[in-house]
C-alpha cells in the first residue's frame, strides 16, 4: 500500500513565472526523491498534487521546447 509522503519536510520554491502580487503562484518541492509535489502558494495548506519525478521532467522539457 503506497504511503503519503511527509510534505512537512518539503522545501518549497515559487515558480520564476509567478508574480509578486499573488497571481499565478505555483510552488514545487525538489527535495523528495522520486516525487515532485506541486501546490498553490496562495493556499499552502491545501493538498499538493504529487507527480512522479520522471513525468515532471517530461512536462518541463515539453514546456521549454
Protein backbone atom coordinates (compact mmCIF):
# COMPACT_ATOMS: atom_id res chain seq x y z
CA UNK A 1 0.00 0.00 0.00
CA UNK A 2 1.51 3.39 -1.00
CA UNK A 3 2.17 5.86 1.78
CA UNK A 4 1.67 9.58 1.64
CA UNK A 5 4.99 11.44 1.73
CA UNK A 6 5.69 13.77 4.65
CA UNK A 7 5.41 17.17 2.99
CA UNK A 8 6.32 18.96 6.23
CA UNK A 9 9.95 18.33 5.24
CA UNK A 10 9.44 19.67 1.70
CA UNK A 11 11.49 22.67 0.62
CA UNK A 12 9.11 24.72 -1.49
CA UNK A 13 10.10 27.22 -4.16
CA UNK A 14 7.88 29.50 -6.18
CA UNK A 15 7.82 29.38 -9.95
CA UNK A 16 10.01 32.03 -11.54
CA UNK A 17 6.99 32.92 -13.67
CA UNK A 18 4.83 33.82 -10.65
CA UNK A 19 4.48 37.50 -9.91
CA UNK A 20 4.85 39.25 -6.54
CA UNK A 21 1.21 40.37 -6.49
CA UNK A 22 -0.12 36.91 -5.66
CA UNK A 23 -1.17 35.95 -9.16
CA UNK A 24 -0.48 32.62 -10.86
CA UNK A 25 1.60 31.31 -7.97
CA UNK A 26 2.76 27.73 -8.24
CA UNK A 27 5.28 26.19 -5.86
CA UNK A 28 7.18 22.93 -6.26
CA UNK A 29 9.39 20.95 -3.90
CA UNK A 30 12.54 19.37 -5.31
CA UNK A 31 13.88 17.57 -2.24
CA UNK A 32 11.66 14.47 -2.22
CA UNK A 33 13.29 11.58 -4.11
CA UNK A 34 11.15 10.33 -6.97
CA UNK A 35 8.33 12.85 -6.42
CA UNK A 36 7.60 16.45 -7.30
CA UNK A 37 4.83 17.95 -5.15
CA UNK A 38 3.08 21.00 -6.63
CA UNK A 39 0.86 23.40 -4.68
CA UNK A 40 -0.86 26.77 -4.93
CA UNK A 41 1.29 29.22 -2.95
CA UNK A 42 -1.77 31.35 -2.18
CA UNK A 43 -3.20 28.37 -0.25
CA UNK A 44 -0.19 26.42 1.11
CA UNK A 45 -2.34 24.35 3.50
CA UNK A 46 -4.36 22.85 0.65
CA UNK A 47 -3.35 19.42 -0.64
CA UNK A 48 -0.42 19.24 -3.02
CA UNK A 49 -0.58 17.34 -6.29
CA UNK A 50 2.16 14.69 -6.47
CA UNK A 51 3.88 13.89 -9.76
CA UNK A 52 6.45 11.18 -10.40
CA UNK A 53 9.79 12.94 -10.97
CA UNK A 54 10.17 11.42 -14.45
CA UNK A 55 6.75 12.66 -15.56
CA UNK A 56 7.51 16.12 -14.19
CA UNK A 57 10.80 16.21 -16.12
CA UNK A 58 9.00 15.33 -19.36
CA UNK A 59 6.37 18.02 -18.68
CA UNK A 60 9.03 20.72 -18.05
CA UNK A 61 11.02 19.65 -21.11
CA UNK A 62 7.90 19.96 -23.26
CA UNK A 63 7.25 23.47 -21.93
CA UNK A 64 10.79 24.52 -22.79
CA UNK A 65 10.58 23.05 -26.31
